[in-house]
């Protein structure tokens, strides 16, 4: 407002970032409904390990660069490419990963078909000498092959026809995976991760596929992936007290919460406690049944107030509606509004060897610190 009052030109973020993508000869976009921040971080660390000096823009704090951006002196610009309001159509990528395509941002897209159309327009931006890395386990991703003349490379856990496949996946007590990577059905390397969950095996495969195409050797890839302990708010260990571990996660879509639960299953613990803050009224209303279903997986469920973000509540929806829906599925859940009351509730009831998760894209992250204080 102040800039406009002083006749200073203002630019939308997506337009500005799009301009930056055209400054660099090789912009690498990381797209998909879920996993963008983690995969962008993984790719960035591999490029850093290989001393390729990339410019980086990632949607969370990455401790290896002490922030969420880095300005390099090479032709490489690695960034998240978000589909919301089709902002990624303003970008000019040379290469891109598409991790998955799912029902989200329905306040803008209205339905899955419109989301798929947006991604098809995005991959059509790739030049003929570009690269498209696709998840072969996602049928919506595979359909994108027909919208580009760029080289297509696929990754998978389930599809043996993919170019990069993870086999012999094992998890340790922390839920960290070790697996063998096969490239075109020939053994490539054993990979060990320092982040939990099967979904991160897929994220790592996407990273490996892209980095291989950029000539990064397997030893740098292995080293970088082992060093990656997660971007902030991605199953991040906040702290512990009385042998109770508290984690914080940005998941705000049912598919993301399910991935978090599946990662949790690979850890050893007594009981789980999830404190969930729904993000936006529209998403809560559109995906109410899916949210309720996925939350029944946890042993103890607390729901706090919806984080409005950019919206006003014209949807006549509340967190109590979500709690009621969970009850209808035969699972106990409670609604607590005050973060202080939630912290007190947890401290009075959680036991040694329990795991507490604060989950959501809003202010729910504050609760972990309150529990520990």
Foldseek 3Di string as FASTA:
>chain_A
DVCVVVVHDDDDPLLVVQVVLVVAPAEEEEAEPDDRQVLLQLLVLLCVLLVVFEWEAHDFQFVVCRGRTDDGDHSYYGYYQYCAVLSNLSHQHQEYEYLEQDDDNCVPQVDSVSSLVSVLSNQLSHDLAGEYEYEPVYPSRVVSVVSYNHHYAYEYAPDLQGQKYWPPWDADQQQWIWTWIHGNNHTQDIATAQEHFPSVVSSLRSSVVVVVVVVRHPVSSRVSRHPRNDGPQCQAFPDDDQQETEGGHADQALVSLLRVLRRVVSHFFDFEEEEEAHEAQVRCVVCLLSVLVSQQSGQAAEYEWHHHVPHDPPPPDTSVVSQVSNVVVVGHYYYDHDLLVVLVVCLVDDHRRYYYYYYHNDDSVVSVVSNVD
